[in-house]
Amino acid sequence: MKKELLRECNILANIQLPRKAFFNTSQPTYILALERRKVKNQSRPPVLCGIARSIGETLDYGRVPTPDDNDLAMLADL
């Protein structure tokens, strides 16, 4: 599967999210941004690798918005 994915797609970004980014899920979570390759000999673009330590809300039961503490917004602007 990995070889086929790399043959057919370009990886644009890989972003690690904090644990509990999704409610009641303590597993590590990642965002993988892919783009279908137009031709097989297309050159590979650079890959953005980022770590989001905060997602704009608390990671507890309350999920209180914290807009001033949002690494995702900063990563999206890159």
N, C-alpha and C. Protein backbone atom coordinates (compact mmCIF):
# COMPACT_ATOMS: atom_id res chain seq x y z
N MET A 1 0.83 -1.19 0.00
CA MET A 1 0.00 0.00 0.00
C MET A 1 0.88 1.26 0.00
N LYS A 2 1.96 1.23 0.78
CA LYS A 2 2.84 2.40 0.85
C LYS A 2 3.45 2.72 -0.51
N LYS A 3 3.93 1.69 -1.22
CA LYS A 3 4.54 1.92 -2.54
C LYS A 3 3.53 2.47 -3.53
N GLU A 4 2.31 1.94 -3.51
CA GLU A 4 1.28 2.42 -4.42
C GLU A 4 0.89 3.85 -4.09
N LEU A 5 0.78 4.16 -2.82
CA LEU A 5 0.44 5.52 -2.40
C LEU A 5 1.50 6.50 -2.87
N LEU A 6 2.77 6.16 -2.68
CA LEU A 6 3.85 7.06 -3.10
C LEU A 6 3.95 7.15 -4.62
N ARG A 7 3.58 6.10 -5.33
CA ARG A 7 3.61 6.13 -6.79
C ARG A 7 2.49 7.02 -7.34
N GLU A 8 1.34 7.01 -6.68
CA GLU A 8 0.17 7.73 -7.19
C GLU A 8 -0.01 9.13 -6.61
N CYS A 9 0.63 9.41 -5.46
CA CYS A 9 0.37 10.67 -4.76
C CYS A 9 1.65 11.36 -4.32
N ASN A 10 1.55 12.65 -4.13
CA ASN A 10 2.59 13.44 -3.48
C ASN A 10 2.13 13.72 -2.05
N ILE A 11 3.03 13.63 -1.11
CA ILE A 11 2.73 14.01 0.26
C ILE A 11 3.04 15.50 0.40
N LEU A 12 2.04 16.28 0.76
CA LEU A 12 2.21 17.72 0.91
C LEU A 12 2.52 18.12 2.34
N ALA A 13 1.89 17.43 3.30
CA ALA A 13 2.08 17.81 4.70
C ALA A 13 1.80 16.62 5.61
N ASN A 14 2.48 16.62 6.72
CA ASN A 14 2.26 15.65 7.79
C ASN A 14 2.26 16.44 9.09
N ILE A 15 1.13 16.49 9.78
CA ILE A 15 1.00 17.31 10.98
C ILE A 15 0.56 16.43 12.14
N GLN A 16 1.34 16.46 13.20
CA GLN A 16 1.01 15.70 14.41
C GLN A 16 0.11 16.54 15.30
N LEU A 17 -1.01 15.96 15.72
CA LEU A 17 -1.94 16.63 16.63
C LEU A 17 -1.68 16.18 18.06
N PRO A 18 -2.08 16.98 19.05
CA PRO A 18 -1.89 16.56 20.44
C PRO A 18 -2.82 15.40 20.80
N ARG A 19 -2.43 14.63 21.80
CA ARG A 19 -3.31 13.57 22.30
C ARG A 19 -4.62 14.21 22.77
N LYS A 20 -5.70 13.50 22.61
CA LYS A 20 -7.05 13.95 22.96
C LYS A 20 -7.54 15.10 22.07
N ALA A 21 -6.94 15.25 20.88
CA ALA A 21 -7.43 16.27 19.94
C ALA A 21 -8.87 15.96 19.54
N PHE A 22 -9.19 14.67 19.47
CA PHE A 22 -10.56 14.24 19.23
C PHE A 22 -11.10 13.72 20.55
N PHE A 23 -12.28 14.12 20.90
CA PHE A 23 -12.86 13.81 22.20
C PHE A 23 -12.79 12.32 22.51
N ASN A 24 -12.30 12.00 23.70
CA ASN A 24 -12.25 10.64 24.22
C ASN A 24 -11.33 9.71 23.42
N THR A 25 -10.32 10.29 22.77
CA THR A 25 -9.35 9.50 22.01
C THR A 25 -7.96 9.91 22.45
N SER A 26 -7.27 9.04 23.15
CA SER A 26 -5.93 9.39 23.62
C SER A 26 -4.84 8.89 22.67
N GLN A 27 -5.22 8.30 21.54
CA GLN A 27 -4.23 7.81 20.58
C GLN A 27 -3.60 8.97 19.82
N PRO A 28 -2.34 8.84 19.44
CA PRO A 28 -1.72 9.88 18.61
C PRO A 28 -2.48 10.01 17.28
N THR A 29 -2.64 11.24 16.82
CA THR A 29 -3.40 11.51 15.60
C THR A 29 -2.57 12.41 14.69
N TYR A 30 -2.66 12.15 13.40
CA TYR A 30 -1.91 12.91 12.41
C TYR A 30 -2.83 13.34 11.28
N ILE A 31 -2.49 14.46 10.67
CA ILE A 31 -3.13 14.90 9.44
C ILE A 31 -2.12 14.66 8.33
N LEU A 32 -2.51 13.92 7.32
CA LEU A 32 -1.66 13.64 6.18
C LEU A 32 -2.33 14.25 4.95
N ALA A 33 -1.71 15.26 4.37
CA ALA A 33 -2.27 15.93 3.19
C ALA A 33 -1.62 15.35 1.94
N LEU A 34 -2.45 14.82 1.04
CA LEU A 34 -1.98 14.18 -0.19
C LEU A 34 -2.51 14.91 -1.41
N GLU A 35 -1.78 14.75 -2.50
CA GLU A 35 -2.19 15.31 -3.79
C GLU A 35 -1.92 14.24 -4.85
N ARG A 36 -2.90 13.97 -5.69
CA ARG A 36 -2.70 12.98 -6.76
C ARG A 36 -1.66 13.52 -7.75
N ARG A 37 -0.73 12.66 -8.12
CA ARG A 37 0.28 13.04 -9.11
C ARG A 37 -0.35 13.11 -10.48
N LYS A 38 0.00 14.14 -11.26
CA LYS A 38 -0.58 14.33 -12.58
C LYS A 38 0.12 13.45 -13.62
N VAL A 39 1.44 13.34 -13.51
CA VAL A 39 2.22 12.46 -14.39
C VAL A 39 3.23 11.70 -13.52
N LYS A 40 3.63 10.54 -13.98
CA LYS A 40 4.49 9.68 -13.15
C LYS A 40 5.86 10.29 -12.88
N ASN A 41 6.41 11.07 -13.81
CA ASN A 41 7.74 11.63 -13.61
C ASN A 41 7.70 13.05 -13.04
N GLN A 42 6.57 13.44 -12.48
CA GLN A 42 6.44 14.75 -11.85
C GLN A 42 7.39 14.84 -10.66
N SER A 43 8.06 15.98 -10.51
CA SER A 43 8.98 16.14 -9.38
C SER A 43 8.18 16.24 -8.08
N ARG A 44 8.81 15.84 -7.00
CA ARG A 44 8.16 15.85 -5.68
C ARG A 44 8.27 17.22 -5.04
N PRO A 45 7.15 17.75 -4.51
CA PRO A 45 7.21 19.03 -3.80
C PRO A 45 7.79 18.83 -2.40
N PRO A 46 8.26 19.91 -1.77
CA PRO A 46 8.71 19.78 -0.38
C PRO A 46 7.55 19.39 0.52
N VAL A 47 7.85 18.69 1.60
CA VAL A 47 6.82 18.22 2.55
C VAL A 47 6.87 19.09 3.80
N LEU A 48 5.72 19.64 4.19
CA LEU A 48 5.61 20.38 5.43
C LEU A 48 5.40 19.39 6.57
N CYS A 49 6.27 19.41 7.54
CA CYS A 49 6.12 18.58 8.74
C CYS A 49 5.93 19.52 9.92
N GLY A 50 4.88 19.32 10.68
CA GLY A 50 4.61 20.20 11.80
C GLY A 50 4.04 19.46 12.99
N ILE A 51 4.18 20.07 14.15
CA ILE A 51 3.62 19.54 15.39
C ILE A 51 2.70 20.60 15.97
N ALA A 52 1.43 20.26 16.10
CA ALA A 52 0.47 21.17 16.72
C ALA A 52 0.34 20.78 18.20
N ARG A 53 0.84 21.61 19.06
CA ARG A 53 0.76 21.33 20.50
C ARG A 53 -0.58 21.78 21.08
N SER A 54 -1.26 22.68 20.37
CA SER A 54 -2.57 23.15 20.81
C SER A 54 -3.46 23.30 19.58
N ILE A 55 -4.78 23.17 19.78
CA ILE A 55 -5.71 23.19 18.65
C ILE A 55 -6.80 24.26 18.79
N GLY A 56 -6.60 25.21 19.69
CA GLY A 56 -7.58 26.29 19.83
C GLY A 56 -8.69 26.01 20.81
N GLU A 57 -8.57 24.92 21.58
CA GLU A 57 -9.52 24.63 22.65
C GLU A 57 -8.85 23.72 23.66
N THR A 58 -9.38 23.71 24.87
CA THR A 58 -8.81 22.82 25.88
C THR A 58 -9.08 21.37 25.49
N LEU A 59 -8.26 20.47 25.96
CA LEU A 59 -8.38 19.06 25.58
C LEU A 59 -9.09 18.23 26.65
N ASP A 60 -9.80 18.90 27.54
CA ASP A 60 -10.55 18.19 28.58
C ASP A 60 -12.02 18.08 28.18
N TYR A 61 -12.84 17.65 29.10
CA TYR A 61 -14.25 17.44 28.83
C TYR A 61 -14.97 18.72 28.38
N GLY A 62 -14.58 19.86 28.96
CA GLY A 62 -15.27 21.13 28.67
C GLY A 62 -15.03 21.67 27.27
N ARG A 63 -13.90 21.39 26.67
CA ARG A 63 -13.55 21.89 25.33
C ARG A 63 -13.77 23.40 25.22
N VAL A 64 -13.18 24.13 26.16
CA VAL A 64 -13.31 25.59 26.20
C VAL A 64 -12.44 26.20 25.10
N PRO A 65 -12.98 27.08 24.26
CA PRO A 65 -12.19 27.70 23.20
C PRO A 65 -11.02 28.52 23.76
N THR A 66 -9.87 28.36 23.15
CA THR A 66 -8.67 29.15 23.50
C THR A 66 -8.07 29.65 22.19
N PRO A 67 -8.71 30.63 21.55
CA PRO A 67 -8.28 31.07 20.21
C PRO A 67 -6.86 31.62 20.17
N ASP A 68 -6.34 32.13 21.28
CA ASP A 68 -4.98 32.66 21.29
C ASP A 68 -3.93 31.56 21.39
N ASP A 69 -4.36 30.33 21.62
CA ASP A 69 -3.44 29.21 21.75
C ASP A 69 -3.83 28.15 20.71
N ASN A 70 -3.50 28.43 19.44
CA ASN A 70 -3.92 27.57 18.34
C ASN A 70 -2.78 27.39 17.35
N ASP A 71 -2.04 26.31 17.47
CA ASP A 71 -0.94 26.03 16.53
C ASP A 71 -1.45 25.68 15.14
N LEU A 72 -2.66 25.14 15.03
CA LEU A 72 -3.19 24.76 13.72
C LEU A 72 -3.33 25.97 12.81
N ALA A 73 -3.76 27.09 13.36
CA ALA A 73 -3.91 28.30 12.54
C ALA A 73 -2.54 28.75 12.00
N MET A 74 -1.52 28.66 12.85
CA MET A 74 -0.16 29.03 12.42
C MET A 74 0.35 28.08 11.34
N LEU A 75 0.10 26.78 11.51
CA LEU A 75 0.54 25.80 10.52
C LEU A 75 -0.19 25.97 9.19
N ALA A 76 -1.46 26.35 9.25
CA ALA A 76 -2.24 26.56 8.02
C ALA A 76 -1.71 27.75 7.21
N ASP A 77 -1.12 28.71 7.89
CA ASP A 77 -0.59 29.89 7.20
C ASP A 77 0.76 29.63 6.53
N LEU A 78 1.40 28.51 6.84
CA LEU A 78 2.71 28.21 6.25
C LEU A 78 2.59 27.84 4.83
